[in-house]
């Protein structure tokens, strides 16, 4: 009877430990979120990337929803866990590719040759590059709210 109770207790402990475990947060990510607007309006589908100022850091990214809200995710951390503490330069992009209809690679080559579909930037391309984005670095800190809102302009 004691053996069965001990086995049962070990089983319950094992199940509870698995329930409490999610994907490990190997980078020590903290929640980072905010909104992105373009000319004062939210835009869905903008890719937000927090690029580490120091080259040895890990970038974190997210995508805006219909209200312009985003939450960052880092490699090595659970989905929407945020970014590791540190300083980041944010970049933003939203592109659309020219639709070239084709059912197979052979059909595509026959119809279009070696032509690569054009990519159109739906927000100014300058925002997609660290050197030209013009956004001040953001400091992500443990124990802080880490809410960063951005207003982009098409002008």
Protein backbone atom coordinates (compact mmCIF):
# COMPACT_ATOMS: atom_id res chain seq x y z
CA UNK A 1 0.00 0.00 0.00
CA UNK A 2 2.82 2.42 0.82
CA UNK A 3 4.53 1.47 -2.45
CA UNK A 4 1.34 2.24 -4.43
CA UNK A 5 0.92 5.58 -2.63
CA UNK A 6 4.54 6.48 -3.34
CA UNK A 7 4.17 5.51 -7.01
CA UNK A 8 0.96 7.53 -7.28
CA UNK A 9 2.59 10.53 -5.60
CA UNK A 10 5.57 10.36 -7.98
CA UNK A 11 3.20 10.14 -10.95
CA UNK A 12 1.23 13.20 -9.78
CA UNK A 13 4.46 15.14 -9.22
CA UNK A 14 5.67 14.20 -12.72
CA UNK A 15 2.39 15.29 -14.35
CA UNK A 16 2.35 18.58 -12.43
CA UNK A 17 5.94 19.32 -13.38
CA UNK A 18 5.13 18.81 -17.06
CA UNK A 19 2.07 21.04 -16.82
CA UNK A 20 4.19 23.82 -15.39
CA UNK A 21 6.79 23.52 -18.11
CA UNK A 22 6.53 25.37 -21.36
CA UNK A 23 9.18 26.11 -23.88
CA UNK A 24 12.29 27.25 -21.99
CA UNK A 25 13.26 30.91 -22.09
CA UNK A 26 16.96 30.40 -22.86
CA UNK A 27 17.60 34.08 -23.73
CA UNK A 28 15.97 35.61 -20.64
CA UNK A 29 13.42 37.41 -22.81
CA UNK A 30 11.12 39.97 -21.24
CA UNK A 31 7.79 41.10 -22.70
CA UNK A 32 8.11 43.80 -25.38
CA UNK A 33 5.05 45.20 -27.13
CA UNK A 34 3.57 48.37 -28.56
CA UNK A 35 1.83 49.82 -31.57
CA UNK A 36 2.91 50.97 -35.02
CA UNK A 37 0.95 53.54 -36.97
CA UNK A 38 1.59 54.89 -40.45
CA UNK A 39 0.48 58.47 -41.01
CA UNK A 40 -1.60 58.16 -37.83
CA UNK A 41 -3.38 54.96 -38.87
CA UNK A 42 -2.72 51.38 -37.70
CA UNK A 43 -1.54 48.99 -40.40
CA UNK A 44 -1.78 45.23 -40.17
CA UNK A 45 1.08 43.00 -41.34
CA UNK A 46 4.09 45.23 -40.65
CA UNK A 47 7.10 43.19 -39.61
CA UNK A 48 8.77 44.75 -36.58
CA UNK A 49 12.37 43.70 -35.90
CA UNK A 50 14.38 44.78 -32.88
CA UNK A 51 18.01 44.63 -34.07
CA UNK A 52 20.58 44.45 -31.25
CA UNK A 53 22.92 47.44 -31.11
CA UNK A 54 25.72 45.11 -30.05
CA UNK A 55 26.54 42.57 -32.76
CA UNK A 56 26.53 39.61 -30.38
CA UNK A 57 22.85 39.97 -29.43
CA UNK A 58 19.83 38.22 -30.88
CA UNK A 59 17.15 40.04 -32.87
CA UNK A 60 13.50 39.76 -31.87
CA UNK A 61 10.53 40.18 -34.18
CA UNK A 62 6.78 40.45 -34.37
CA UNK A 63 4.01 41.41 -36.77
CA UNK A 64 1.35 44.06 -36.30
CA UNK A 65 -2.29 43.12 -35.97
CA UNK A 66 -5.27 45.09 -37.35
CA UNK A 67 -4.94 47.66 -34.54
CA UNK A 68 -1.20 48.11 -35.19
CA UNK A 69 -0.26 46.17 -32.06
CA UNK A 70 2.76 43.89 -31.93
CA UNK A 71 4.45 41.59 -29.43
CA UNK A 72 8.04 40.45 -29.97
CA UNK A 73 9.35 36.88 -30.04
CA UNK A 74 13.01 35.87 -29.78
CA UNK A 75 14.69 32.68 -30.95
CA UNK A 76 15.21 30.48 -27.91
CA UNK A 77 12.19 31.86 -26.06
CA UNK A 78 8.48 30.99 -26.02
CA UNK A 79 6.21 32.65 -28.58
CA UNK A 80 5.50 36.31 -27.66
CA UNK A 81 7.96 36.18 -24.74
CA UNK A 82 9.69 39.37 -25.94
CA UNK A 83 13.38 40.19 -26.24
CA UNK A 84 16.46 39.78 -24.08
CA UNK A 85 17.32 42.89 -22.09
CA UNK A 86 19.54 45.24 -24.07
CA UNK A 87 19.54 48.08 -26.58
CA UNK A 88 17.87 47.63 -29.98
CA UNK A 89 17.30 49.61 -33.16
CA UNK A 90 13.82 48.85 -34.48
CA UNK A 91 13.14 48.37 -38.19
CA UNK A 92 9.83 47.99 -39.99
CA UNK A 93 8.81 46.51 -43.32
CA UNK A 94 5.75 45.53 -45.25
CA UNK A 95 6.15 44.29 -48.78
CA UNK A 96 4.06 42.72 -51.45
CA UNK A 97 5.36 40.77 -54.43
CA UNK A 98 4.05 41.04 -57.93
CA UNK A 99 1.77 38.09 -58.56
CA UNK A 100 3.04 35.93 -61.37
CA UNK A 101 0.56 33.15 -61.95
CA UNK A 102 2.05 29.75 -62.57
CA UNK A 103 1.28 26.20 -61.58
CA UNK A 104 4.80 24.77 -61.72
CA UNK A 105 8.43 25.83 -62.03
CA UNK A 106 8.43 24.71 -65.66
CA UNK A 107 5.30 26.77 -66.43
CA UNK A 108 6.81 29.74 -64.63
CA UNK A 109 10.06 29.54 -66.62
CA UNK A 110 8.18 29.16 -69.89
CA UNK A 111 5.87 32.08 -69.13
CA UNK A 112 8.31 34.49 -67.43
CA UNK A 113 11.81 33.19 -68.15
CA UNK A 114 14.34 34.15 -65.47
CA UNK A 115 12.42 37.27 -64.46
CA UNK A 116 12.15 37.73 -60.71
CA UNK A 117 8.84 39.12 -59.45
CA UNK A 118 9.00 42.76 -58.38
CA UNK A 119 8.67 43.58 -54.70
CA UNK A 120 6.72 46.64 -53.66
CA UNK A 121 7.29 48.37 -50.32
CA UNK A 122 3.96 49.32 -48.76
CA UNK A 123 5.73 51.57 -46.27
CA UNK A 124 8.89 53.53 -47.13
CA UNK A 125 11.86 51.20 -47.61
CA UNK A 126 14.05 53.39 -45.38
CA UNK A 127 12.30 51.94 -42.32
CA UNK A 128 13.53 48.43 -43.17
CA UNK A 129 17.23 49.22 -42.71
CA UNK A 130 19.08 49.93 -39.45
CA UNK A 131 21.20 52.69 -41.03
CA UNK A 132 18.27 54.58 -42.60
CA UNK A 133 15.27 53.94 -40.34
CA UNK A 134 15.80 57.11 -38.31
CA UNK A 135 14.32 55.60 -35.15
CA UNK A 136 16.18 56.06 -31.85
CA UNK A 137 17.43 52.90 -30.13
CA UNK A 138 15.09 51.29 -27.58
CA UNK A 139 16.31 50.02 -24.23
CA UNK A 140 14.62 46.77 -23.16
CA UNK A 141 14.93 46.33 -19.40
CA UNK A 142 13.99 43.57 -17.00
CA UNK A 143 11.24 44.71 -14.62
CA UNK A 144 10.07 47.59 -16.88
CA UNK A 145 6.94 47.86 -19.06
CA UNK A 146 8.94 47.79 -22.34
CA UNK A 147 6.11 49.27 -24.37
CA UNK A 148 7.37 51.02 -27.50
CA UNK A 149 5.01 52.85 -29.86
CA UNK A 150 6.13 54.06 -33.27
CA UNK A 151 4.68 56.58 -35.74
CA UNK A 152 5.93 56.06 -39.28
CA UNK A 153 5.34 58.47 -42.13
CA UNK A 154 4.98 57.99 -45.86
CA UNK A 155 6.03 61.61 -46.46
